[in-house]
N, C-alpha and C. Protein backbone atom coordinates (compact mmCIF):
# COMPACT_ATOMS: atom_id res chain seq x y z
N MET A 1 -1.73 -21.11 3.23
CA MET A 1 -0.60 -20.21 3.16
C MET A 1 -0.90 -19.01 2.27
N ARG A 2 -1.62 -19.24 1.18
CA ARG A 2 -1.96 -18.16 0.25
C ARG A 2 -2.81 -17.11 0.94
N VAL A 3 -3.70 -17.53 1.84
CA VAL A 3 -4.55 -16.58 2.56
C VAL A 3 -3.71 -15.71 3.48
N ILE A 4 -2.76 -16.31 4.18
CA ILE A 4 -1.91 -15.55 5.09
C ILE A 4 -1.08 -14.53 4.31
N ILE A 5 -0.50 -14.94 3.20
CA ILE A 5 0.30 -14.02 2.38
C ILE A 5 -0.60 -12.91 1.82
N GLY A 6 -1.82 -13.25 1.43
CA GLY A 6 -2.75 -12.25 0.92
C GLY A 6 -3.06 -11.19 1.95
N TYR A 7 -3.33 -11.62 3.18
CA TYR A 7 -3.59 -10.65 4.24
C TYR A 7 -2.37 -9.79 4.53
N THR A 8 -1.19 -10.37 4.46
CA THR A 8 0.04 -9.62 4.73
C THR A 8 0.27 -8.57 3.65
N VAL A 9 0.15 -8.94 2.40
CA VAL A 9 0.35 -8.00 1.29
C VAL A 9 -0.70 -6.89 1.37
N GLU A 10 -1.93 -7.27 1.67
CA GLU A 10 -3.00 -6.27 1.78
C GLU A 10 -2.73 -5.29 2.92
N SER A 11 -2.28 -5.79 4.05
CA SER A 11 -1.99 -4.93 5.20
C SER A 11 -0.85 -3.97 4.89
N ILE A 12 0.19 -4.46 4.25
CA ILE A 12 1.30 -3.59 3.86
C ILE A 12 0.81 -2.52 2.88
N GLY A 13 -0.07 -2.90 1.98
CA GLY A 13 -0.63 -1.94 1.03
C GLY A 13 -1.40 -0.82 1.71
N TYR A 14 -2.19 -1.18 2.73
CA TYR A 14 -2.92 -0.15 3.47
C TYR A 14 -1.97 0.83 4.14
N VAL A 15 -0.93 0.33 4.75
CA VAL A 15 0.02 1.20 5.46
C VAL A 15 0.77 2.09 4.47
N VAL A 16 1.27 1.51 3.38
CA VAL A 16 2.01 2.29 2.39
C VAL A 16 1.10 3.34 1.75
N GLY A 17 -0.11 2.95 1.39
CA GLY A 17 -1.05 3.90 0.78
C GLY A 17 -1.43 5.03 1.71
N ALA A 18 -1.68 4.71 2.96
CA ALA A 18 -2.04 5.74 3.94
C ALA A 18 -0.89 6.70 4.18
N GLN A 19 0.33 6.17 4.30
CA GLN A 19 1.48 7.04 4.52
C GLN A 19 1.75 7.92 3.29
N GLY A 20 1.56 7.38 2.10
CA GLY A 20 1.73 8.19 0.90
C GLY A 20 0.70 9.30 0.82
N PHE A 21 -0.54 8.98 1.19
CA PHE A 21 -1.60 9.99 1.18
C PHE A 21 -1.34 11.08 2.21
N VAL A 22 -0.96 10.68 3.42
CA VAL A 22 -0.68 11.65 4.47
C VAL A 22 0.50 12.53 4.08
N SER A 23 1.53 11.94 3.50
CA SER A 23 2.69 12.72 3.08
C SER A 23 2.33 13.70 1.97
N PHE A 24 1.53 13.26 1.01
CA PHE A 24 1.11 14.16 -0.07
C PHE A 24 0.30 15.32 0.46
N VAL A 25 -0.70 15.04 1.28
CA VAL A 25 -1.56 16.09 1.82
C VAL A 25 -0.77 17.07 2.67
N SER A 26 0.12 16.55 3.50
CA SER A 26 0.88 17.44 4.38
C SER A 26 1.80 18.37 3.59
N GLN A 27 2.44 17.85 2.53
CA GLN A 27 3.33 18.71 1.74
C GLN A 27 2.56 19.65 0.84
N ALA A 28 1.51 19.14 0.20
CA ALA A 28 0.79 19.95 -0.79
C ALA A 28 -0.06 21.04 -0.13
N LEU A 29 -0.70 20.72 0.97
CA LEU A 29 -1.64 21.68 1.57
C LEU A 29 -1.05 22.48 2.73
N PHE A 30 -0.15 21.88 3.49
CA PHE A 30 0.32 22.54 4.70
C PHE A 30 1.81 22.89 4.68
N GLY A 31 2.57 22.34 3.73
CA GLY A 31 3.99 22.63 3.64
C GLY A 31 4.82 22.05 4.77
N THR A 32 4.30 21.03 5.44
CA THR A 32 5.02 20.39 6.54
C THR A 32 5.22 18.91 6.23
N GLU A 33 5.85 18.21 7.13
CA GLU A 33 6.09 16.76 6.97
C GLU A 33 5.33 16.01 8.05
N TRP A 34 4.40 15.17 7.65
CA TRP A 34 3.67 14.32 8.58
C TRP A 34 4.01 12.87 8.28
N GLY A 35 3.69 11.99 9.22
CA GLY A 35 3.92 10.58 9.01
C GLY A 35 5.39 10.22 9.14
N TRP A 36 5.73 9.01 8.76
CA TRP A 36 7.12 8.55 8.87
C TRP A 36 7.79 8.37 7.52
N MET A 37 7.06 8.48 6.43
CA MET A 37 7.66 8.19 5.13
C MET A 37 8.74 9.21 4.76
N HIS A 38 8.60 10.45 5.18
CA HIS A 38 9.63 11.45 4.86
C HIS A 38 10.94 11.16 5.58
N LYS A 39 10.89 10.32 6.60
CA LYS A 39 12.12 9.93 7.28
C LYS A 39 12.86 8.84 6.51
N VAL A 40 12.14 8.12 5.67
CA VAL A 40 12.73 7.04 4.88
C VAL A 40 13.22 7.56 3.53
N VAL A 41 12.36 8.31 2.83
CA VAL A 41 12.70 8.88 1.53
C VAL A 41 12.26 10.33 1.48
N ASP A 42 12.96 11.13 0.71
CA ASP A 42 12.60 12.53 0.54
C ASP A 42 12.15 12.70 -0.90
N LEU A 43 10.84 12.75 -1.11
CA LEU A 43 10.27 12.84 -2.45
C LEU A 43 9.50 14.14 -2.61
N PRO A 44 9.33 14.60 -3.85
CA PRO A 44 8.44 15.74 -4.07
C PRO A 44 7.00 15.32 -3.79
N SER A 45 6.15 16.29 -3.56
CA SER A 45 4.78 15.97 -3.13
C SER A 45 4.02 15.14 -4.16
N THR A 46 4.24 15.38 -5.45
CA THR A 46 3.51 14.61 -6.46
C THR A 46 3.97 13.15 -6.52
N ALA A 47 5.21 12.88 -6.14
CA ALA A 47 5.70 11.50 -6.15
C ALA A 47 4.99 10.66 -5.09
N TYR A 48 4.49 11.30 -4.05
CA TYR A 48 3.76 10.55 -3.03
C TYR A 48 2.44 10.00 -3.58
N LEU A 49 1.92 10.61 -4.63
CA LEU A 49 0.74 10.03 -5.27
C LEU A 49 1.07 8.68 -5.89
N GLY A 50 2.28 8.54 -6.40
CA GLY A 50 2.74 7.24 -6.89
C GLY A 50 2.83 6.22 -5.78
N VAL A 51 3.23 6.68 -4.60
CA VAL A 51 3.30 5.78 -3.44
C VAL A 51 1.89 5.33 -3.06
N VAL A 52 0.92 6.24 -3.17
CA VAL A 52 -0.48 5.86 -2.92
C VAL A 52 -0.92 4.81 -3.93
N ALA A 53 -0.55 4.98 -5.19
CA ALA A 53 -0.91 4.00 -6.23
C ALA A 53 -0.28 2.64 -5.96
N VAL A 54 0.96 2.63 -5.50
CA VAL A 54 1.62 1.37 -5.15
C VAL A 54 0.88 0.70 -3.99
N GLY A 55 0.48 1.49 -3.00
CA GLY A 55 -0.28 0.94 -1.88
C GLY A 55 -1.60 0.33 -2.33
N LEU A 56 -2.31 1.03 -3.21
CA LEU A 56 -3.57 0.49 -3.72
C LEU A 56 -3.35 -0.78 -4.53
N ALA A 57 -2.27 -0.81 -5.30
CA ALA A 57 -1.97 -2.02 -6.08
C ALA A 57 -1.68 -3.20 -5.15
N LEU A 58 -0.97 -2.95 -4.06
CA LEU A 58 -0.71 -4.03 -3.10
C LEU A 58 -1.99 -4.53 -2.45
N VAL A 59 -2.91 -3.62 -2.16
CA VAL A 59 -4.19 -4.03 -1.59
C VAL A 59 -4.94 -4.91 -2.57
N VAL A 60 -4.99 -4.51 -3.83
CA VAL A 60 -5.71 -5.30 -4.84
C VAL A 60 -5.07 -6.68 -5.01
N VAL A 61 -3.76 -6.73 -5.07
CA VAL A 61 -3.06 -8.02 -5.21
C VAL A 61 -3.33 -8.90 -4.00
N GLY A 62 -3.30 -8.32 -2.82
CA GLY A 62 -3.56 -9.09 -1.60
C GLY A 62 -4.96 -9.67 -1.57
N VAL A 63 -5.95 -8.87 -1.97
CA VAL A 63 -7.34 -9.35 -1.97
C VAL A 63 -7.51 -10.45 -3.01
N LYS A 64 -6.93 -10.27 -4.19
CA LYS A 64 -7.05 -11.31 -5.22
C LYS A 64 -6.33 -12.58 -4.81
N MET A 65 -5.22 -12.44 -4.12
CA MET A 65 -4.47 -13.60 -3.67
C MET A 65 -5.28 -14.38 -2.62
N ARG A 66 -5.97 -13.65 -1.77
CA ARG A 66 -6.79 -14.31 -0.75
C ARG A 66 -7.96 -15.05 -1.36
N LYS A 67 -8.57 -14.45 -2.37
CA LYS A 67 -9.79 -15.00 -2.94
C LYS A 67 -9.52 -15.99 -4.07
N ALA A 68 -8.28 -16.23 -4.40
CA ALA A 68 -7.96 -17.17 -5.47
C ALA A 68 -8.43 -18.57 -5.08
N PRO A 69 -9.09 -19.26 -5.99
CA PRO A 69 -9.57 -20.60 -5.65
C PRO A 69 -8.42 -21.57 -5.43
N GLN A 70 -8.61 -22.42 -4.47
CA GLN A 70 -7.61 -23.45 -4.20
C GLN A 70 -7.77 -24.56 -5.23
N SER A 71 -6.66 -25.02 -5.78
CA SER A 71 -6.73 -26.11 -6.74
C SER A 71 -6.95 -27.43 -5.99
N ARG A 72 -7.91 -28.18 -6.45
CA ARG A 72 -8.24 -29.46 -5.82
C ARG A 72 -7.94 -30.58 -6.80
N GLU A 73 -7.35 -31.63 -6.28
CA GLU A 73 -7.06 -32.78 -7.11
C GLU A 73 -8.24 -33.75 -7.05
N VAL A 74 -8.62 -34.25 -8.19
CA VAL A 74 -9.72 -35.22 -8.27
C VAL A 74 -9.14 -36.61 -8.05
N ALA A 75 -9.74 -37.33 -7.13
CA ALA A 75 -9.23 -38.67 -6.82
C ALA A 75 -9.68 -39.69 -7.81
């Protein structure tokens, strides 16, 4: 179960991080709105860097959760 949850958290992290990056780049460099995140929240362009950080944190947590050793009981 821990492996499945790890993959899920990691996948969500990739999506959130990518959308935050796309939103930041589109606002900062082109002055337009790309992706779907601007439809959910309206943030200034620098706040999307925080969304990227949250996405990266979710990826790290997901990978660590997947790789965590399973506790074994000694008979």
